[in-house]
C-alpha atoms as a PDB file:
ATOM      1  CA  UNK A   1       0.045   0.436  -0.048  1.00  0.00           C
ATOM      2  CA  UNK A   2       1.160   3.294  -0.961  1.00  0.00           C
ATOM      3  CA  UNK A   3       0.819   5.482   2.342  1.00  0.00           C
ATOM      4  CA  UNK A   4       3.983   7.398   3.103  1.00  0.00           C
ATOM      5  CA  UNK A   5       2.614  10.349   1.551  1.00  0.00           C
ATOM      6  CA  UNK A   6      -0.853  10.087   2.527  1.00  0.00           C
ATOM      7  CA  UNK A   7      -2.458  12.851   5.362  1.00  0.00           C
ATOM      8  CA  UNK A   8      -2.149  11.649   8.647  1.00  0.00           C
ATOM      9  CA  UNK A   9      -5.162  11.288  10.491  1.00  0.00           C
ATOM     10  CA  UNK A  10      -5.844  14.084  13.551  1.00  0.00           C
ATOM     11  CA  UNK A  11      -8.061  11.679  15.367  1.00  0.00           C
ATOM     12  CA  UNK A  12      -5.707   9.723  17.193  1.00  0.00           C
ATOM     13  CA  UNK A  13      -5.314   9.416  20.636  1.00  0.00           C
ATOM     14  CA  UNK A  14      -2.005   7.630  22.123  1.00  0.00           C
ATOM     15  CA  UNK A  15      -1.883   5.763  25.584  1.00  0.00           C
ATOM     16  CA  UNK A  16       0.521   3.212  25.058  1.00  0.00           C
ATOM     17  CA  UNK A  17       2.973   2.927  28.132  1.00  0.00           C
ATOM     18  CA  UNK A  18      -0.571   3.893  30.521  1.00  0.00           C
ATOM     19  CA  UNK A  19      -0.935   0.626  31.657  1.00  0.00           C
ATOM     20  CA  UNK A  20      -0.004  -2.471  32.732  1.00  0.00           C
ATOM     21  CA  UNK A  21       0.442  -5.509  30.760  1.00  0.00           C
ATOM     22  CA  UNK A  22      -2.070  -8.019  31.304  1.00  0.00           C
ATOM     23  CA  UNK A  23      -1.988 -11.952  30.806  1.00  0.00           C
ATOM     24  CA  UNK A  24      -5.566 -13.404  30.398  1.00  0.00           C
ATOM     25  CA  UNK A  25      -5.769 -17.028  31.455  1.00  0.00           C
ATOM     26  CA  UNK A  26      -7.238 -18.953  29.220  1.00  0.00           C
ATOM     27  CA  UNK A  27      -7.036 -16.792  26.864  1.00  0.00           C
ATOM     28  CA  UNK A  28      -6.422 -17.086  23.031  1.00  0.00           C
ATOM     29  CA  UNK A  29      -8.446 -16.291  20.141  1.00  0.00           C
ATOM     30  CA  UNK A  30     -11.470 -17.722  21.783  1.00  0.00           C
ATOM     31  CA  UNK A  31     -11.160 -14.416  24.013  1.00  0.00           C
ATOM     32  CA  UNK A  32     -10.981 -12.460  21.920  1.00  0.00           C
ATOM     33  CA  UNK A  33     -13.717 -13.470  19.571  1.00  0.00           C
ATOM     34  CA  UNK A  34     -16.265 -13.950  23.089  1.00  0.00           C
ATOM     35  CA  UNK A  35     -15.299 -10.228  24.303  1.00  0.00           C
ATOM     36  CA  UNK A  36     -15.468  -8.904  21.498  1.00  0.00           C
ATOM     37  CA  UNK A  37     -19.368 -10.108  21.095  1.00  0.00           C
ATOM     38  CA  UNK A  38     -19.692  -9.029  24.469  1.00  0.00           C
ATOM     39  CA  UNK A  39     -18.631  -5.420  23.586  1.00  0.00           C
ATOM     40  CA  UNK A  40     -20.394  -5.056  20.463  1.00  0.00           C
ATOM     41  CA  UNK A  41     -23.884  -6.352  21.798  1.00  0.00           C
ATOM     42  CA  UNK A  42     -23.481  -3.151  24.475  1.00  0.00           C
ATOM     43  CA  UNK A  43     -22.460  -5.691  27.336  1.00  0.00           C
ATOM     44  CA  UNK A  44     -19.360  -5.138  29.685  1.00  0.00           C
ATOM     45  CA  UNK A  45     -16.110  -6.744  28.858  1.00  0.00           C
ATOM     46  CA  UNK A  46     -15.175  -6.276  32.272  1.00  0.00           C
ATOM     47  CA  UNK A  47     -16.983  -8.920  34.245  1.00  0.00           C
ATOM     48  CA  UNK A  48     -16.228 -11.787  31.147  1.00  0.00           C
ATOM     49  CA  UNK A  49     -11.954 -10.964  31.064  1.00  0.00           C
ATOM     50  CA  UNK A  50     -12.037 -10.311  35.099  1.00  0.00           C
ATOM     51  CA  UNK A  51     -14.180 -14.354  34.860  1.00  0.00           C
ATOM     52  CA  UNK A  52     -10.699 -15.522  32.972  1.00  0.00           C
ATOM     53  CA  UNK A  53      -8.306 -14.730  36.190  1.00  0.00           C
ATOM     54  CA  UNK A  54      -6.311 -11.876  35.131  1.00  0.00           C
ATOM     55  CA  UNK A  55      -2.388 -12.119  36.200  1.00  0.00           C
ATOM     56  CA  UNK A  56      -0.353  -8.876  36.024  1.00  0.00           C
ATOM     57  CA  UNK A  57       2.881  -8.781  34.833  1.00  0.00           C
ATOM     58  CA  UNK A  58       5.515  -6.381  35.175  1.00  0.00           C
ATOM     59  CA  UNK A  59       5.939  -3.679  31.984  1.00  0.00           C
ATOM     60  CA  UNK A  60       8.680  -4.276  30.402  1.00  0.00           C
ATOM     61  CA  UNK A  61      11.140  -1.676  28.750  1.00  0.00           C
ATOM     62  CA  UNK A  62      11.132  -1.981  24.714  1.00  0.00           C
ATOM     63  CA  UNK A  63      14.184  -2.358  22.741  1.00  0.00           C
ATOM     64  CA  UNK A  64      15.013   0.377  20.291  1.00  0.00           C
ATOM     65  CA  UNK A  65      14.088  -1.925  17.155  1.00  0.00           C
ATOM     66  CA  UNK A  66      10.935  -2.300  18.758  1.00  0.00           C
ATOM     67  CA  UNK A  67      10.219   1.304  19.710  1.00  0.00           C
ATOM     68  CA  UNK A  68      11.543   1.742  15.810  1.00  0.00           C
ATOM     69  CA  UNK A  69       8.277  -0.264  14.584  1.00  0.00           C
ATOM     70  CA  UNK A  70       6.339   1.107  17.078  1.00  0.00           C
ATOM     71  CA  UNK A  71       6.806   4.660  15.396  1.00  0.00           C
ATOM     72  CA  UNK A  72       6.518   3.102  12.285  1.00  0.00           C
ATOM     73  CA  UNK A  73       3.137   1.241  12.925  1.00  0.00           C
ATOM     74  CA  UNK A  74       1.864   5.035  14.131  1.00  0.00           C
ATOM     75  CA  UNK A  75       2.771   6.832  10.750  1.00  0.00           C
ATOM     76  CA  UNK A  76       0.963   3.913   8.874  1.00  0.00           C
ATOM     77  CA  UNK A  77      -2.048   3.938  11.427  1.00  0.00           C
ATOM     78  CA  UNK A  78      -2.249   7.674  10.857  1.00  0.00           C
ATOM     79  CA  UNK A  79      -2.218   7.358   6.914  1.00  0.00           C
ATOM     80  CA  UNK A  80      -4.733   4.649   7.097  1.00  0.00           C
ATOM     81  CA  UNK A  81      -6.899   6.658   9.669  1.00  0.00           C
ATOM     82  CA  UNK A  82      -6.649   9.405   7.102  1.00  0.00           C
ATOM     83  CA  UNK A  83      -7.066   7.655   4.098  1.00  0.00           C
ATOM     84  CA  UNK A  84     -10.965   6.779   5.856  1.00  0.00           C
ATOM     85  CA  UNK A  85     -11.791   9.677   7.077  1.00  0.00           C
ATOM     86  CA  UNK A  86     -11.364  10.961   3.175  1.00  0.00           C
ATOM     87  CA  UNK A  87     -13.292   8.500   1.715  1.00  0.00           C
ATOM     88  CA  UNK A  88     -15.849   8.024   4.128  1.00  0.00           C
ATOM     89  CA  UNK A  89     -16.748  11.967   4.096  1.00  0.00           C
ATOM     90  CA  UNK A  90     -17.446  11.844   0.974  1.00  0.00           C
ATOM     91  CA  UNK A  91     -19.189   8.130   0.773  1.00  0.00           C
ATOM     92  CA  UNK A  92     -21.706   8.707   3.339  1.00  0.00           C
ATOM     93  CA  UNK A  93     -23.242  11.702   2.559  1.00  0.00           C
ATOM     94  CA  UNK A  94     -23.522  10.423  -1.296  1.00  0.00           C
ATOM     95  CA  UNK A  95     -24.773   7.860  -0.336  1.00  0.00           C
ATOM     96  CA  UNK A  96     -27.049   7.540   2.726  1.00  0.00           C
ATOM     97  CA  UNK A  97     -29.058  10.473   4.680  1.00  0.00           C
ATOM     98  CA  UNK A  98     -26.532  10.056   7.620  1.00  0.00           C
ATOM     99  CA  UNK A  99     -24.380  12.683   8.801  1.00  0.00           C
ATOM    100  CA  UNK A 100     -21.131  11.335   8.903  1.00  0.00           C
ATOM    101  CA  UNK A 101     -18.560  12.690  11.838  1.00  0.00           C
ATOM    102  CA  UNK A 102     -14.954  11.218  12.113  1.00  0.00           C
ATOM    103  CA  UNK A 103     -14.053   8.795  14.789  1.00  0.00           C
ATOM    104  CA  UNK A 104     -11.422   8.550  16.861  1.00  0.00           C
ATOM    105  CA  UNK A 105      -8.909   5.674  17.276  1.00  0.00           C
ATOM    106  CA  UNK A 106      -7.053   5.210  20.270  1.00  0.00           C
ATOM    107  CA  UNK A 107      -3.784   3.421  20.574  1.00  0.00           C
ATOM    108  CA  UNK A 108      -3.399   1.612  24.181  1.00  0.00           C
ATOM    109  CA  UNK A 109      -0.972  -0.852  25.187  1.00  0.00           C
ATOM    110  CA  UNK A 110      -2.312  -4.384  27.480  1.00  0.00           C
ATOM    111  CA  UNK A 111      -5.289  -2.761  29.201  1.00  0.00           C
ATOM    112  CA  UNK A 112      -7.465  -0.210  28.097  1.00  0.00           C
ATOM    113  CA  UNK A 113     -10.840   1.533  29.591  1.00  0.00           C
ATOM    114  CA  UNK A 114     -13.859   2.431  26.707  1.00  0.00           C
ATOM    115  CA  UNK A 115     -17.473   3.782  27.296  1.00  0.00           C
ATOM    116  CA  UNK A 116     -18.149  -0.239  26.639  1.00  0.00           C
ATOM    117  CA  UNK A 117     -15.817  -1.379  29.453  1.00  0.00           C
ATOM    118  CA  UNK A 118     -12.384  -2.339  30.592  1.00  0.00           C
ATOM    119  CA  UNK A 119     -11.092  -3.941  27.441  1.00  0.00           C
ATOM    120  CA  UNK A 120      -8.246  -6.465  27.042  1.00  0.00           C
ATOM    121  CA  UNK A 121      -5.471  -6.629  24.713  1.00  0.00           C
ATOM    122  CA  UNK A 122      -6.496 -10.121  23.813  1.00  0.00           C
ATOM    123  CA  UNK A 123      -9.883  -8.421  22.073  1.00  0.00           C
ATOM    124  CA  UNK A 124      -8.205  -7.395  19.299  1.00  0.00           C
ATOM    125  CA  UNK A 125      -9.457  -4.340  17.563  1.00  0.00           C
ATOM    126  CA  UNK A 126     -12.069  -3.091  18.136  1.00  0.00           C
ATOM    127  CA  UNK A 127     -15.041  -0.606  17.773  1.00  0.00           C
ATOM    128  CA  UNK A 128     -16.989   1.076  20.783  1.00  0.00           C
ATOM    129  CA  UNK A 129     -20.591   2.525  19.960  1.00  0.00           C
ATOM    130  CA  UNK A 130     -20.426   4.142  22.903  1.00  0.00           C
ATOM    131  CA  UNK A 131     -17.709   6.564  22.538  1.00  0.00           C
ATOM    132  CA  UNK A 132     -17.141   6.462  18.644  1.00  0.00           C
ATOM    133  CA  UNK A 133     -13.374   5.430  19.475  1.00  0.00           C
ATOM    134  CA  UNK A 134     -11.771   2.150  17.765  1.00  0.00           C
ATOM    135  CA  UNK A 135      -8.934   0.733  19.823  1.00  0.00           C
ATOM    136  CA  UNK A 136      -5.752  -0.997  18.770  1.00  0.00           C
ATOM    137  CA  UNK A 137      -3.077  -2.672  20.528  1.00  0.00           C
ATOM    138  CA  UNK A 138      -0.222  -3.592  18.122  1.00  0.00           C
ATOM    139  CA  UNK A 139       0.473  -6.764  19.485  1.00  0.00           C
ATOM    140  CA  UNK A 140      -2.378  -7.937  17.103  1.00  0.00           C
ATOM    141  CA  UNK A 141      -0.249  -6.673  13.763  1.00  0.00           C
ATOM    142  CA  UNK A 142       2.009  -9.542  14.782  1.00  0.00           C
ATOM    143  CA  UNK A 143      -0.857 -12.069  15.535  1.00  0.00           C
ATOM    144  CA  UNK A 144      -2.142 -11.445  12.479  1.00  0.00           C
ATOM    145  CA  UNK A 145       1.618 -12.175  11.175  1.00  0.00           C
ATOM    146  CA  UNK A 146       1.737 -15.203  13.141  1.00  0.00           C
ATOM    147  CA  UNK A 147      -1.435 -16.885  14.235  1.00  0.00           C
ATOM    148  CA  UNK A 148      -3.595 -16.192  11.574  1.00  0.00           C
ATOM    149  CA  UNK A 149      -0.955 -16.072   9.121  1.00  0.00           C
ATOM    150  CA  UNK A 150      -2.244 -12.678   7.062  1.00  0.00           C
ATOM    151  CA  UNK A 151       1.155 -10.367   6.918  1.00  0.00           C
ATOM    152  CA  UNK A 152       1.405  -7.151   4.855  1.00  0.00           C
ATOM    153  CA  UNK A 153       0.133  -3.721   5.390  1.00  0.00           C
ATOM    154  CA  UNK A 154      -2.984  -3.940   3.441  1.00  0.00           C
ATOM    155  CA  UNK A 155      -3.880  -7.443   6.006  1.00  0.00           C
ATOM    156  CA  UNK A 156      -3.755  -4.750   8.774  1.00  0.00           C
ATOM    157  CA  UNK A 157      -5.290  -1.595   6.820  1.00  0.00           C
ATOM    158  CA  UNK A 158      -7.849  -4.253   6.314  1.00  0.00           C
ATOM    159  CA  UNK A 159      -8.750  -4.678  10.073  1.00  0.00           C
ATOM    160  CA  UNK A 160      -8.474  -0.908  10.895  1.00  0.00           C
ATOM    161  CA  UNK A 161     -11.547  -0.734   7.573  1.00  0.00           C
ATOM    162  CA  UNK A 162     -13.635  -3.516   9.372  1.00  0.00           C
ATOM    163  CA  UNK A 163     -13.672  -1.369  12.349  1.00  0.00           C
ATOM    164  CA  UNK A 164     -14.130   2.055  10.981  1.00  0.00           C
ATOM    165  CA  UNK A 165     -17.398   0.644   9.373  1.00  0.00           C
ATOM    166  CA  UNK A 166     -18.744  -0.790  12.201  1.00  0.00           C
ATOM    167  CA  UNK A 167     -18.636   3.303  12.830  1.00  0.00           C
ATOM    168  CA  UNK A 168     -19.785   4.081   9.715  1.00  0.00           C
ATOM    169  CA  UNK A 169     -22.782   1.476  11.182  1.00  0.00           C
ATOM    170  CA  UNK A 170     -23.222   3.665  14.140  1.00  0.00           C
ATOM    171  CA  UNK A 171     -23.843   6.548  12.309  1.00  0.00           C
ATOM    172  CA  UNK A 172     -26.355   5.032   9.991  1.00  0.00           C
ATOM    173  CA  UNK A 173     -28.491   3.335  12.892  1.00  0.00           C
ATOM    174  CA  UNK A 174     -27.791  -0.148  12.059  1.00  0.00           C
ATOM    175  CA  UNK A 175     -25.752  -1.229  14.805  1.00  0.00           C
ATOM    176  CA  UNK A 176     -27.544   0.432  17.184  1.00  0.00           C
ATOM    177  CA  UNK A 177     -31.134  -1.725  16.085  1.00  0.00           C
ATOM    178  CA  UNK A 178     -28.889  -4.297  15.883  1.00  0.00           C
ATOM    179  CA  UNK A 179     -28.205  -4.151  19.226  1.00  0.00           C
ATOM    180  CA  UNK A 180     -31.696  -3.723  20.611  1.00  0.00           C
ATOM    181  CA  UNK A 181     -32.588  -7.168  19.430  1.00  0.00           C
ATOM    182  CA  UNK A 182     -30.438  -8.681  21.771  1.00  0.00           C
ATOM    183  CA  UNK A 183     -27.981 -11.494  21.447  1.00  0.00           C
ATOM    184  CA  UNK A 184     -28.343 -13.127  18.063  1.00  0.00           C
ATOM    185  CA  UNK A 185     -25.921 -14.871  16.309  1.00  0.00           C
ATOM    186  CA  UNK A 186     -27.432 -14.187  12.607  1.00  0.00           C
ATOM    187  CA  UNK A 187     -27.828 -10.612  12.939  1.00  0.00           C
ATOM    188  CA  UNK A 188     -24.063 -10.382  14.138  1.00  0.00           C
ATOM    189  CA  UNK A 189     -22.618 -12.097  11.351  1.00  0.00           C
ATOM    190  CA  UNK A 190     -24.635  -9.814   9.472  1.00  0.00           C
ATOM    191  CA  UNK A 191     -23.275  -6.592  11.287  1.00  0.00           C
ATOM    192  CA  UNK A 192     -20.298  -8.020  10.451  1.00  0.00           C
ATOM    193  CA  UNK A 193     -20.002  -8.859   7.286  1.00  0.00           C
ATOM    194  CA  UNK A 194     -21.776  -5.606   5.789  1.00  0.00           C
ATOM    195  CA  UNK A 195     -18.757  -4.104   7.732  1.00  0.00           C
ATOM    196  CA  UNK A 196     -16.552  -6.052   5.441  1.00  0.00           C
ATOM    197  CA  UNK A 197     -17.719  -4.867   2.894  1.00  0.00           C
ATOM    198  CA  UNK A 198     -18.005  -1.746   4.147  1.00  0.00           C
ATOM    199  CA  UNK A 199     -14.218  -1.904   4.208  1.00  0.00           C
ATOM    200  CA  UNK A 200     -14.187  -3.396   0.724  1.00  0.00           C
ATOM    201  CA  UNK A 201     -15.734   0.081  -0.120  1.00  0.00           C
ATOM    202  CA  UNK A 202     -13.011   2.082   1.846  1.00  0.00           C
ATOM    203  CA  UNK A 203     -10.647  -0.269  -0.792  1.00  0.00           C
ATOM    204  CA  UNK A 204     -12.304   0.646  -3.746  1.00  0.00           C
ATOM    205  CA  UNK A 205     -11.700   4.577  -3.222  1.00  0.00           C
ATOM    206  CA  UNK A 206      -8.517   3.138  -2.135  1.00  0.00           C
ATOM    207  CA  UNK A 207      -7.785   2.195  -5.853  1.00  0.00           C
ATOM    208  CA  UNK A 208      -9.158   4.603  -7.353  1.00  0.00           C
ATOM    209  CA  UNK A 209      -6.339   7.545  -5.922  1.00  0.00           C
ATOM    210  CA  UNK A 210      -3.898   5.277  -6.753  1.00  0.00           C
ATOM    211  CA  UNK A 211      -2.451   3.464  -3.002  1.00  0.00           C
ATOM    212  CA  UNK A 212      -3.379   0.280  -3.543  1.00  0.00           C
ATOM    213  CA  UNK A 213      -0.012  -1.823  -5.013  1.00  0.00           C
ATOM    214  CA  UNK A 214       0.120  -5.328  -6.318  1.00  0.00           C
ATOM    215  CA  UNK A 215      -0.650  -7.789  -4.083  1.00  0.00           C
ATOM    216  CA  UNK A 216      -2.882  -5.577  -1.345  1.00  0.00           C
ATOM    217  CA  UNK A 217      -6.137  -7.035  -2.065  1.00  0.00           C
ATOM    218  CA  UNK A 218      -5.174 -10.892  -1.926  1.00  0.00           C
ATOM    219  CA  UNK A 219      -3.417  -9.172   1.271  1.00  0.00           C
ATOM    220  CA  UNK A 220      -6.765  -8.124   2.444  1.00  0.00           C
ATOM    221  CA  UNK A 221      -8.980 -11.661   1.457  1.00  0.00           C
ATOM    222  CA  UNK A 222      -6.099 -13.626   3.190  1.00  0.00           C
ATOM    223  CA  UNK A 223      -6.596 -11.546   6.083  1.00  0.00           C
ATOM    224  CA  UNK A 224     -10.527 -11.735   5.715  1.00  0.00           C
ATOM    225  CA  UNK A 225     -10.181 -15.511   5.530  1.00  0.00           C
ATOM    226  CA  UNK A 226      -8.218 -16.019   8.465  1.00  0.00           C
ATOM    227  CA  UNK A 227     -10.791 -14.046  10.803  1.00  0.00           C
ATOM    228  CA  UNK A 228     -13.491 -16.411   9.286  1.00  0.00           C
ATOM    229  CA  UNK A 229     -15.383 -18.307  12.696  1.00  0.00           C
ATOM    230  CA  UNK A 230     -14.681 -21.890  10.474  1.00  0.00           C
ATOM    231  CA  UNK A 231     -11.046 -20.566  10.485  1.00  0.00           C
ATOM    232  CA  UNK A 232     -10.610 -19.861  13.564  1.00  0.00           C
ATOM    233  CA  UNK A 233     -12.986 -22.633  15.207  1.00  0.00           C
ATOM    234  CA  UNK A 234     -10.750 -25.528  13.105  1.00  0.00           C
ATOM    235  CA  UNK A 235      -8.036 -24.034  14.572  1.00  0.00           C
ATOM    236  CA  UNK A 236      -8.779 -23.997  18.347  1.00  0.00           C
ATOM    237  CA  UNK A 237     -11.125 -26.320  18.592  1.00  0.00           C
ATOM    238  CA  UNK A 238     -10.757 -28.752  15.887  1.00  0.00           C
ATOM    239  CA  UNK A 239     -14.794 -28.497  14.384  1.00  0.00           C
ATOM    240  CA  UNK A 240     -16.733 -26.265  13.309  1.00  0.00           C
ATOM    241  CA  UNK A 241     -20.082 -25.460  14.795  1.00  0.00           C
ATOM    242  CA  UNK A 242     -21.419 -23.179  11.839  1.00  0.00           C
ATOM    243  CA  UNK A 243     -25.048 -22.574  14.350  1.00  0.00           C
ATOM    244  CA  UNK A 244     -22.378 -20.745  16.630  1.00  0.00           C
ATOM    245  CA  UNK A 245     -20.382 -18.308  14.197  1.00  0.00           C
ATOM    246  CA  UNK A 246     -20.941 -14.469  14.890  1.00  0.00           C
ATOM    247  CA  UNK A 247     -18.616 -12.926  12.215  1.00  0.00           C
ATOM    248  CA  UNK A 248     -19.159 -15.112   9.340  1.00  0.00           C
ATOM    249  CA  UNK A 249     -17.255 -18.085   7.076  1.00  0.00           C
ATOM    250  CA  UNK A 250     -13.795 -17.357   5.381  1.00  0.00           C
ATOM    251  CA  UNK A 251     -15.675 -17.419   2.318  1.00  0.00           C
ATOM    252  CA  UNK A 252     -18.500 -14.782   3.748  1.00  0.00           C
ATOM    253  CA  UNK A 253     -16.449 -12.442   4.810  1.00  0.00           C
ATOM    254  CA  UNK A 254     -13.919 -12.993   1.875  1.00  0.00           C
ATOM    255  CA  UNK A 255     -17.227 -12.311  -0.552  1.00  0.00           C
ATOM    256  CA  UNK A 256     -18.460  -9.655   1.327  1.00  0.00           C
ATOM    257  CA  UNK A 257     -14.946  -7.608   1.103  1.00  0.00           C
ATOM    258  CA  UNK A 258     -14.959  -8.510  -2.263  1.00  0.00           C
ATOM    259  CA  UNK A 259     -18.599  -7.341  -3.495  1.00  0.00           C
ATOM    260  CA  UNK A 260     -17.755  -4.299  -1.558  1.00  0.00           C
ATOM    261  CA  UNK A 261     -14.563  -3.286  -3.854  1.00  0.00           C
ATOM    262  CA  UNK A 262     -16.027  -4.402  -6.966  1.00  0.00           C
ATOM    263  CA  UNK A 263     -18.606  -2.071  -6.396  1.00  0.00           C
ATOM    264  CA  UNK A 264     -17.746   0.969  -4.188  1.00  0.00           C
ATOM    265  CA  UNK A 265     -21.475   1.538  -3.249  1.00  0.00           C
ATOM    266  CA  UNK A 266     -23.140   1.417   0.062  1.00  0.00           C
ATOM    267  CA  UNK A 267     -26.688  -0.341  -1.196  1.00  0.00           C
ATOM    268  CA  UNK A 268     -24.691  -3.593  -2.173  1.00  0.00           C
ATOM    269  CA  UNK A 269     -23.569  -4.353   1.280  1.00  0.00           C
ATOM    270  CA  UNK A 270     -27.472  -4.422   2.468  1.00  0.00           C
ATOM    271  CA  UNK A 271     -27.882  -7.391   4.426  1.00  0.00           C
ATOM    272  CA  UNK A 272     -30.962  -5.727   7.074  1.00  0.00           C
ATOM    273  CA  UNK A 273     -33.600  -6.323   4.578  1.00  0.00           C
END
């Protein structure tokens, strides 16, 4: 992705280093998915995470190489957010009746407090509708590369664009309508797939801006498949339970992203009819 000359977003709050690291017992991908669902449905992730018996670890001092990588990540995130803001400032008022407003992205390490409650890095990146903010611990990028086998800067950009898509859902009222239905796996899957489709709409915009490089789309599709419910369940428990899906299968997530990128139209991302 060509991002180094992209405008840097001003809507980033850096809380890195303000908290202590936490290792969550029984954590991993299962905790990431379940805690994210709790937050998405309007619950308090603190109760869920506390039930996992957290153990506090002392913070460690980052080496120069790690610090340099963190600074590179910070610039990258600023550029991606700047592009997402520019895209949706145009797209949302043109294609819907919703009024656009920028979200904020909060960078943190280990743990963070949000309007959705306490959150741990094990949750991965998430969006909180209560404060219109995205939350990210850069360690997820390492997990995306190592655990999910989805390397590349555009794979990372896809993750941020997906969470930004939840912000768009919040602005249009879709997210609130789903939350009022209570816990419903089918609606949860539809919500996640629409966010994937919105990520594809941004990719369509970025491509028209000349920001994409060869292989970028493949990186995003690889990441979308890697976080499919079937892929995660097969990796973590060895078998698949479709009725328990909350985010969609690998094929569904790839298809949703591809539809958004192909058409660049919000009306093509409508699972709620």
